[in-house]
Structure formats: structure tokens, C-alpha cells
Amino acid sequence: MTDSNEPDDLREKHERNREQRIGAVKRWVAYIKSEPPEKWGPQQNAVVNDQLESAQNVQTSAAHKQYVQDVAAEIAEGADDGSEN
């Protein structure tokens, strides 16, 4: 017996997760707008550093590593010239 609602349930779950992530990003934006960088900067650095550490512990292909480096370089270029990505 198959559950014909299963794909819909999964889509609904993914949409809920997406909405939660968007909500978290909006809360973070509001927080950084209301607080000085001295307060939120170290918090953001801790998150980024933990993500980088986790990524370094994952086995990835050389092609994927190059892709990540290319994306990071594009982001850094955008930050250097003041444009928003």
C-alpha cells in the first residue's frame, strides 16, 4: 500500500523549512541593523568559522573545492567594490 500524500507531505515539509530559514535570516538582518558590529561581528565570525571547519572535515572533490573557491572570490570581489550580491 502506498501513501499518495507522501510527496505532498514532503513538499510541505520543505516549504516549512524554507520559511523557517527565511524567517531566521530576517531576524538576523533586523538584529544586525539594531546592534553595533562590535556585538554581532564576533557572533557571525564564530558561525562562519564553524561552517568552514565543518566543510574542511568533509571529503570533497577537487572540482567542488575549486567551485567553492571561485564563488568565494566572486563574493569577495563584490564586497571590495561595494556592490550587493
PDB file of N, CA and C in Angstrom:
ATOM      1  N   MET A   1       0.839  -1.172   0.000  1.00  0.00           N
ATOM      2  CA  MET A   1       0.000   0.000   0.000  1.00  0.00           C
ATOM      3  C   MET A   1       0.890   1.242   0.000  1.00  0.00           C
ATOM      4  N   THR A   2       0.601   2.151  -0.916  1.00  0.00           N
ATOM      5  CA  THR A   2       1.396   3.373  -0.992  1.00  0.00           C
ATOM      6  C   THR A   2       0.611   4.546  -0.428  1.00  0.00           C
ATOM      7  N   ASP A   3       1.330   5.477   0.044  1.00  0.00           N
ATOM      8  CA  ASP A   3       0.722   6.682   0.597  1.00  0.00           C
ATOM      9  C   ASP A   3       0.822   7.784  -0.460  1.00  0.00           C
ATOM     10  N   SER A   4      -0.297   8.075  -1.104  1.00  0.00           N
ATOM     11  CA  SER A   4      -0.281   9.059  -2.184  1.00  0.00           C
ATOM     12  C   SER A   4      -0.043  10.471  -1.669  1.00  0.00           C
ATOM     13  N   ASN A   5      -0.171  10.693  -0.369  1.00  0.00           N
ATOM     14  CA  ASN A   5       0.069  12.011   0.210  1.00  0.00           C
ATOM     15  C   ASN A   5       1.545  12.255   0.518  1.00  0.00           C
ATOM     16  N   GLU A   6       2.366  11.218   0.423  1.00  0.00           N
ATOM     17  CA  GLU A   6       3.770  11.342   0.816  1.00  0.00           C
ATOM     18  C   GLU A   6       4.506  12.449   0.071  1.00  0.00           C
ATOM     19  N   PRO A   7       4.411  12.547  -1.275  1.00  0.00           N
ATOM     20  CA  PRO A   7       5.116  13.642  -1.951  1.00  0.00           C
ATOM     21  C   PRO A   7       4.619  15.018  -1.502  1.00  0.00           C
ATOM     22  N   ASP A   8       3.313  15.157  -1.297  1.00  0.00           N
ATOM     23  CA  ASP A   8       2.774  16.428  -0.828  1.00  0.00           C
ATOM     24  C   ASP A   8       3.286  16.755   0.564  1.00  0.00           C
ATOM     25  N   ASP A   9       3.339  15.751   1.438  1.00  0.00           N
ATOM     26  CA  ASP A   9       3.836  15.962   2.789  1.00  0.00           C
ATOM     27  C   ASP A   9       5.291  16.424   2.765  1.00  0.00           C
ATOM     28  N   LEU A  10       6.081  15.820   1.886  1.00  0.00           N
ATOM     29  CA  LEU A  10       7.488  16.187   1.778  1.00  0.00           C
ATOM     30  C   LEU A  10       7.628  17.617   1.251  1.00  0.00           C
ATOM     31  N   ARG A  11       6.823  17.969   0.249  1.00  0.00           N
ATOM     32  CA  ARG A  11       6.856  19.340  -0.271  1.00  0.00           C
ATOM     33  C   ARG A  11       6.463  20.337   0.815  1.00  0.00           C
ATOM     34  N   GLU A  12       5.450  19.991   1.583  1.00  0.00           N
ATOM     35  CA  GLU A  12       5.013  20.869   2.672  1.00  0.00           C
ATOM     36  C   GLU A  12       6.115  21.025   3.723  1.00  0.00           C
ATOM     37  N   LYS A  13       6.794  19.932   4.028  1.00  0.00           N
ATOM     38  CA  LYS A  13       7.891  19.980   4.991  1.00  0.00           C
ATOM     39  C   LYS A  13       9.011  20.876   4.472  1.00  0.00           C
ATOM     40  N   HIS A  14       9.357  20.715   3.190  1.00  0.00           N
ATOM     41  CA  HIS A  14      10.415  21.539   2.600  1.00  0.00           C
ATOM     42  C   HIS A  14      10.018  23.012   2.612  1.00  0.00           C
ATOM     43  N   GLU A  15       8.758  23.301   2.336  1.00  0.00           N
ATOM     44  CA  GLU A  15       8.295  24.684   2.346  1.00  0.00           C
ATOM     45  C   GLU A  15       8.341  25.262   3.762  1.00  0.00           C
ATOM     46  N   ARG A  16       7.945  24.480   4.756  1.00  0.00           N
ATOM     47  CA  ARG A  16       8.030  24.938   6.153  1.00  0.00           C
ATOM     48  C   ARG A  16       9.477  25.226   6.532  1.00  0.00           C
ATOM     49  N   ASN A  17      10.378  24.312   6.150  1.00  0.00           N
ATOM     50  CA  ASN A  17      11.805  24.510   6.445  1.00  0.00           C
ATOM     51  C   ASN A  17      12.327  25.770   5.769  1.00  0.00           C
ATOM     52  N   ARG A  18      11.924  25.971   4.520  1.00  0.00           N
ATOM     53  CA  ARG A  18      12.346  27.166   3.780  1.00  0.00           C
ATOM     54  C   ARG A  18      11.844  28.417   4.485  1.00  0.00           C
ATOM     55  N   GLU A  19      10.589  28.424   4.878  1.00  0.00           N
ATOM     56  CA  GLU A  19      10.018  29.580   5.561  1.00  0.00           C
ATOM     57  C   GLU A  19      10.731  29.848   6.887  1.00  0.00           C
ATOM     58  N   GLN A  20      11.102  28.790   7.591  1.00  0.00           N
ATOM     59  CA  GLN A  20      11.826  28.955   8.852  1.00  0.00           C
ATOM     60  C   GLN A  20      13.208  29.560   8.614  1.00  0.00           C
ATOM     61  N   ARG A  21      13.874  29.111   7.558  1.00  0.00           N
ATOM     62  CA  ARG A  21      15.201  29.661   7.243  1.00  0.00           C
ATOM     63  C   ARG A  21      15.096  31.133   6.859  1.00  0.00           C
ATOM     64  N   ILE A  22      14.101  31.464   6.036  1.00  0.00           N
ATOM     65  CA  ILE A  22      13.909  32.859   5.639  1.00  0.00           C
ATOM     66  C   ILE A  22      13.604  33.711   6.863  1.00  0.00           C
ATOM     67  N   GLY A  23      12.767  33.205   7.755  1.00  0.00           N
ATOM     68  CA  GLY A  23      12.455  33.923   8.992  1.00  0.00           C
ATOM     69  C   GLY A  23      13.697  34.158   9.834  1.00  0.00           C
ATOM     70  N   ALA A  24      14.554  33.161   9.909  1.00  0.00           N
ATOM     71  CA  ALA A  24      15.794  33.301  10.681  1.00  0.00           C
ATOM     72  C   ALA A  24      16.704  34.357  10.062  1.00  0.00           C
ATOM     73  N   VAL A  25      16.792  34.378   8.744  1.00  0.00           N
ATOM     74  CA  VAL A  25      17.617  35.384   8.064  1.00  0.00           C
ATOM     75  C   VAL A  25      17.059  36.781   8.324  1.00  0.00           C
ATOM     76  N   LYS A  26      15.741  36.929   8.250  1.00  0.00           N
ATOM     77  CA  LYS A  26      15.125  38.240   8.500  1.00  0.00           C
ATOM     78  C   LYS A  26      15.368  38.696   9.937  1.00  0.00           C
ATOM     79  N   ARG A  27      15.299  37.765  10.895  1.00  0.00           N
ATOM     80  CA  ARG A  27      15.577  38.124  12.290  1.00  0.00           C
ATOM     81  C   ARG A  27      17.039  38.554  12.448  1.00  0.00           C
ATOM     82  N   TRP A  28      17.943  37.865  11.765  1.00  0.00           N
ATOM     83  CA  TRP A  28      19.357  38.220  11.853  1.00  0.00           C
ATOM     84  C   TRP A  28      19.593  39.607  11.250  1.00  0.00           C
ATOM     85  N   VAL A  29      18.967  39.891  10.121  1.00  0.00           N
ATOM     86  CA  VAL A  29      19.116  41.204   9.496  1.00  0.00           C
ATOM     87  C   VAL A  29      18.615  42.293  10.439  1.00  0.00           C
ATOM     88  N   ALA A  30      17.465  42.066  11.045  1.00  0.00           N
ATOM     89  CA  ALA A  30      16.930  43.052  11.993  1.00  0.00           C
ATOM     90  C   ALA A  30      17.894  43.236  13.161  1.00  0.00           C
ATOM     91  N   TYR A  31      18.476  42.143  13.629  1.00  0.00           N
ATOM     92  CA  TYR A  31      19.419  42.198  14.750  1.00  0.00           C
ATOM     93  C   TYR A  31      20.658  43.009  14.392  1.00  0.00           C
ATOM     94  N   ILE A  32      21.247  42.738  13.225  1.00  0.00           N
ATOM     95  CA  ILE A  32      22.477  43.447  12.877  1.00  0.00           C
ATOM     96  C   ILE A  32      22.212  44.914  12.556  1.00  0.00           C
ATOM     97  N   LYS A  33      20.981  45.225  12.148  1.00  0.00           N
ATOM     98  CA  LYS A  33      20.641  46.638  11.924  1.00  0.00           C
ATOM     99  C   LYS A  33      20.453  47.388  13.244  1.00  0.00           C
ATOM    100  N   SER A  34      20.073  46.656  14.288  1.00  0.00           N
ATOM    101  CA  SER A  34      19.770  47.311  15.568  1.00  0.00           C
ATOM    102  C   SER A  34      20.936  47.289  16.554  1.00  0.00           C
ATOM    103  N   GLU A  35      21.975  46.532  16.240  1.00  0.00           N
ATOM    104  CA  GLU A  35      23.114  46.389  17.157  1.00  0.00           C
ATOM    105  C   GLU A  35      24.405  46.809  16.464  1.00  0.00           C
ATOM    106  N   PRO A  36      25.378  47.275  17.214  1.00  0.00           N
ATOM    107  CA  PRO A  36      26.661  47.660  16.610  1.00  0.00           C
ATOM    108  C   PRO A  36      27.449  46.421  16.151  1.00  0.00           C
ATOM    109  N   PRO A  37      28.288  46.601  15.144  1.00  0.00           N
ATOM    110  CA  PRO A  37      29.086  45.478  14.644  1.00  0.00           C
ATOM    111  C   PRO A  37      29.950  44.824  15.718  1.00  0.00           C
ATOM    112  N   GLU A  38      30.341  45.592  16.721  1.00  0.00           N
ATOM    113  CA  GLU A  38      31.180  45.033  17.788  1.00  0.00           C
ATOM    114  C   GLU A  38      30.446  43.931  18.548  1.00  0.00           C
ATOM    115  N   LYS A  39      29.125  43.994  18.527  1.00  0.00           N
ATOM    116  CA  LYS A  39      28.338  42.983  19.238  1.00  0.00           C
ATOM    117  C   LYS A  39      28.064  41.768  18.351  1.00  0.00           C
ATOM    118  N   TRP A  40      27.592  42.004  17.125  1.00  0.00           N
ATOM    119  CA  TRP A  40      27.205  40.869  16.300  1.00  0.00           C
ATOM    120  C   TRP A  40      28.357  40.307  15.462  1.00  0.00           C
ATOM    121  N   GLY A  41      29.412  41.093  15.254  1.00  0.00           N
ATOM    122  CA  GLY A  41      30.529  40.627  14.442  1.00  0.00           C
ATOM    123  C   GLY A  41      31.172  39.348  14.965  1.00  0.00           C
ATOM    124  N   PRO A  42      31.524  39.296  16.258  1.00  0.00           N
ATOM    125  CA  PRO A  42      32.119  38.067  16.782  1.00  0.00           C
ATOM    126  C   PRO A  42      31.173  36.861  16.694  1.00  0.00           C
ATOM    127  N   GLN A  43      29.884  37.118  16.837  1.00  0.00           N
ATOM    128  CA  GLN A  43      28.914  36.021  16.721  1.00  0.00           C
ATOM    129  C   GLN A  43      28.905  35.479  15.296  1.00  0.00           C
ATOM    130  N   GLN A  44      28.889  36.388  14.326  1.00  0.00           N
ATOM    131  CA  GLN A  44      28.889  35.957  12.931  1.00  0.00           C
ATOM    132  C   GLN A  44      30.191  35.250  12.597  1.00  0.00           C
ATOM    133  N   ASN A  45      31.310  35.770  13.096  1.00  0.00           N
ATOM    134  CA  ASN A  45      32.599  35.123  12.844  1.00  0.00           C
ATOM    135  C   ASN A  45      32.616  33.699  13.392  1.00  0.00           C
ATOM    136  N   ALA A  46      32.036  33.494  14.553  1.00  0.00           N
ATOM    137  CA  ALA A  46      32.003  32.155  15.152  1.00  0.00           C
ATOM    138  C   ALA A  46      31.213  31.187  14.273  1.00  0.00           C
ATOM    139  N   VAL A  47      30.089  31.654  13.747  1.00  0.00           N
ATOM    140  CA  VAL A  47      29.269  30.798  12.876  1.00  0.00           C
ATOM    141  C   VAL A  47      30.036  30.463  11.600  1.00  0.00           C
ATOM    142  N   VAL A  48      30.616  31.471  10.984  1.00  0.00           N
ATOM    143  CA  VAL A  48      31.349  31.249   9.739  1.00  0.00           C
ATOM    144  C   VAL A  48      32.540  30.328   9.978  1.00  0.00           C
ATOM    145  N   ASN A  49      33.277  30.566  11.044  1.00  0.00           N
ATOM    146  CA  ASN A  49      34.436  29.713  11.339  1.00  0.00           C
ATOM    147  C   ASN A  49      34.022  28.264  11.565  1.00  0.00           C
ATOM    148  N   ASP A  50      32.913  28.052  12.278  1.00  0.00           N
ATOM    149  CA  ASP A  50      32.424  26.684  12.496  1.00  0.00           C
ATOM    150  C   ASP A  50      32.015  26.034  11.180  1.00  0.00           C
ATOM    151  N   GLN A  51      31.381  26.795  10.298  1.00  0.00           N
ATOM    152  CA  GLN A  51      30.989  26.254   8.995  1.00  0.00           C
ATOM    153  C   GLN A  51      32.221  25.883   8.174  1.00  0.00           C
ATOM    154  N   LEU A  52      33.218  26.750   8.210  1.00  0.00           N
ATOM    155  CA  LEU A  52      34.452  26.450   7.475  1.00  0.00           C
ATOM    156  C   LEU A  52      35.143  25.207   8.020  1.00  0.00           C
ATOM    157  N   GLU A  53      35.172  25.093   9.333  1.00  0.00           N
ATOM    158  CA  GLU A  53      35.782  23.914   9.954  1.00  0.00           C
ATOM    159  C   GLU A  53      35.032  22.645   9.559  1.00  0.00           C
ATOM    160  N   SER A  54      33.726  22.711   9.586  1.00  0.00           N
ATOM    161  CA  SER A  54      32.917  21.549   9.187  1.00  0.00           C
ATOM    162  C   SER A  54      33.173  21.188   7.730  1.00  0.00           C
ATOM    163  N   ALA A  55      33.236  22.206   6.883  1.00  0.00           N
ATOM    164  CA  ALA A  55      33.464  21.957   5.461  1.00  0.00           C
ATOM    165  C   ALA A  55      34.827  21.323   5.225  1.00  0.00           C
ATOM    166  N   GLN A  56      35.810  21.723   6.010  1.00  0.00           N
ATOM    167  CA  GLN A  56      37.151  21.162   5.843  1.00  0.00           C
ATOM    168  C   GLN A  56      37.209  19.695   6.260  1.00  0.00           C
ATOM    169  N   ASN A  57      36.279  19.272   7.089  1.00  0.00           N
ATOM    170  CA  ASN A  57      36.271  17.894   7.560  1.00  0.00           C
ATOM    171  C   ASN A  57      35.474  16.963   6.650  1.00  0.00           C
ATOM    172  N   VAL A  58      34.914  17.508   5.592  1.00  0.00           N
ATOM    173  CA  VAL A  58      34.114  16.717   4.654  1.00  0.00           C
ATOM    174  C   VAL A  58      34.983  16.381   3.448  1.00  0.00           C
ATOM    175  N   GLN A  59      34.883  15.160   3.004  1.00  0.00           N
ATOM    176  CA  GLN A  59      35.626  14.749   1.817  1.00  0.00           C
ATOM    177  C   GLN A  59      34.925  15.314   0.580  1.00  0.00           C
ATOM    178  N   THR A  60      35.609  16.179  -0.155  1.00  0.00           N
ATOM    179  CA  THR A  60      35.047  16.747  -1.369  1.00  0.00           C
ATOM    180  C   THR A  60      36.036  16.588  -2.507  1.00  0.00           C
ATOM    181  N   SER A  61      35.492  16.649  -3.717  1.00  0.00           N
ATOM    182  CA  SER A  61      36.352  16.519  -4.893  1.00  0.00           C
ATOM    183  C   SER A  61      37.123  17.813  -5.118  1.00  0.00           C
ATOM    184  N   ALA A  62      38.184  17.703  -5.864  1.00  0.00           N
ATOM    185  CA  ALA A  62      38.981  18.882  -6.199  1.00  0.00           C
ATOM    186  C   ALA A  62      38.140  19.874  -7.006  1.00  0.00           C
ATOM    187  N   ALA A  63      37.266  19.369  -7.878  1.00  0.00           N
ATOM    188  CA  ALA A  63      36.409  20.248  -8.678  1.00  0.00           C
ATOM    189  C   ALA A  63      35.462  21.043  -7.795  1.00  0.00           C
ATOM    190  N   HIS A  64      34.901  20.390  -6.789  1.00  0.00           N
ATOM    191  CA  HIS A  64      33.983  21.099  -5.892  1.00  0.00           C
ATOM    192  C   HIS A  64      34.736  22.133  -5.055  1.00  0.00           C
ATOM    193  N   LYS A  65      35.910  21.780  -4.584  1.00  0.00           N
ATOM    194  CA  LYS A  65      36.719  22.734  -3.829  1.00  0.00           C
ATOM    195  C   LYS A  65      37.022  23.959  -4.685  1.00  0.00           C
ATOM    196  N   GLN A  66      37.351  23.753  -5.952  1.00  0.00           N
ATOM    197  CA  GLN A  66      37.641  24.873  -6.846  1.00  0.00           C
ATOM    198  C   GLN A  66      36.397  25.728  -7.043  1.00  0.00           C
ATOM    199  N   TYR A  67      35.244  25.096  -7.194  1.00  0.00           N
ATOM    200  CA  TYR A  67      33.983  25.828  -7.347  1.00  0.00           C
ATOM    201  C   TYR A  67      33.731  26.718  -6.133  1.00  0.00           C
ATOM    202  N   VAL A  68      33.918  26.177  -4.938  1.00  0.00           N
ATOM    203  CA  VAL A  68      33.700  26.946  -3.710  1.00  0.00           C
ATOM    204  C   VAL A  68      34.670  28.121  -3.652  1.00  0.00           C
ATOM    205  N   GLN A  69      35.919  27.890  -4.019  1.00  0.00           N
ATOM    206  CA  GLN A  69      36.906  28.975  -4.022  1.00  0.00           C
ATOM    207  C   GLN A  69      36.521  30.063  -5.023  1.00  0.00           C
ATOM    208  N   ASP A  70      36.007  29.648  -6.190  1.00  0.00           N
ATOM    209  CA  ASP A  70      35.591  30.617  -7.206  1.00  0.00           C
ATOM    210  C   ASP A  70      34.415  31.458  -6.710  1.00  0.00           C
ATOM    211  N   VAL A  71      33.446  30.812  -6.084  1.00  0.00           N
ATOM    212  CA  VAL A  71      32.295  31.540  -5.552  1.00  0.00           C
ATOM    213  C   VAL A  71      32.746  32.507  -4.457  1.00  0.00           C
ATOM    214  N   ALA A  72      33.618  32.059  -3.576  1.00  0.00           N
ATOM    215  CA  ALA A  72      34.115  32.925  -2.510  1.00  0.00           C
ATOM    216  C   ALA A  72      34.851  34.128  -3.096  1.00  0.00           C
ATOM    217  N   ALA A  73      35.620  33.916  -4.142  1.00  0.00           N
ATOM    218  CA  ALA A  73      36.338  35.022  -4.781  1.00  0.00           C
ATOM    219  C   ALA A  73      35.361  36.018  -5.390  1.00  0.00           C
ATOM    220  N   GLU A  74      34.290  35.526  -6.012  1.00  0.00           N
ATOM    221  CA  GLU A  74      33.275  36.423  -6.583  1.00  0.00           C
ATOM    222  C   GLU A  74      32.610  37.248  -5.489  1.00  0.00           C
ATOM    223  N   ILE A  75      32.308  36.612  -4.378  1.00  0.00           N
ATOM    224  CA  ILE A  75      31.680  37.321  -3.258  1.00  0.00           C
ATOM    225  C   ILE A  75      32.631  38.383  -2.718  1.00  0.00           C
ATOM    226  N   ALA A  76      33.898  38.016  -2.574  1.00  0.00           N
ATOM    227  CA  ALA A  76      34.888  38.965  -2.064  1.00  0.00           C
ATOM    228  C   ALA A  76      35.052  40.143  -3.025  1.00  0.00           C
ATOM    229  N   GLU A  77      35.047  39.893  -4.318  1.00  0.00           N
ATOM    230  CA  GLU A  77      35.147  40.971  -5.292  1.00  0.00           C
ATOM    231  C   GLU A  77      33.954  41.917  -5.156  1.00  0.00           C
ATOM    232  N   GLY A  78      32.765  41.357  -4.973  1.00  0.00           N
ATOM    233  CA  GLY A  78      31.568  42.170  -4.792  1.00  0.00           C
ATOM    234  C   GLY A  78      31.660  43.016  -3.540  1.00  0.00           C
ATOM    235  N   ALA A  79      32.216  42.448  -2.485  1.00  0.00           N
ATOM    236  CA  ALA A  79      32.370  43.196  -1.235  1.00  0.00           C
ATOM    237  C   ALA A  79      33.409  44.291  -1.387  1.00  0.00           C
ATOM    238  N   ASP A  80      34.455  44.011  -2.157  1.00  0.00           N
ATOM    239  CA  ASP A  80      35.510  45.002  -2.353  1.00  0.00           C
ATOM    240  C   ASP A  80      35.038  46.203  -3.163  1.00  0.00           C
ATOM    241  N   ASP A  81      34.156  45.958  -4.157  1.00  0.00           N
ATOM    242  CA  ASP A  81      33.722  47.084  -4.983  1.00  0.00           C
ATOM    243  C   ASP A  81      32.440  47.729  -4.474  1.00  0.00           C
ATOM    244  N   GLY A  82      31.930  47.231  -3.341  1.00  0.00           N
ATOM    245  CA  GLY A  82      30.771  47.843  -2.711  1.00  0.00           C
ATOM    246  C   GLY A  82      29.434  47.422  -3.289  1.00  0.00           C
ATOM    247  N   SER A  83      29.433  46.508  -4.257  1.00  0.00           N
ATOM    248  CA  SER A  83      28.158  46.061  -4.815  1.00  0.00           C
ATOM    249  C   SER A  83      27.515  45.034  -3.897  1.00  0.00           C
ATOM    250  N   GLU A  84      26.198  44.920  -4.020  1.00  0.00           N
ATOM    251  CA  GLU A  84      25.460  43.943  -3.205  1.00  0.00           C
ATOM    252  C   GLU A  84      25.155  42.735  -4.047  1.00  0.00           C
ATOM    253  N   ASN A  85      25.409  41.538  -3.498  1.00  0.00           N
ATOM    254  CA  ASN A  85      25.092  40.282  -4.195  1.00  0.00           C
ATOM    255  C   ASN A  85      23.874  39.666  -3.627  1.00  0.00           C
TER     256      ASN A  85
END
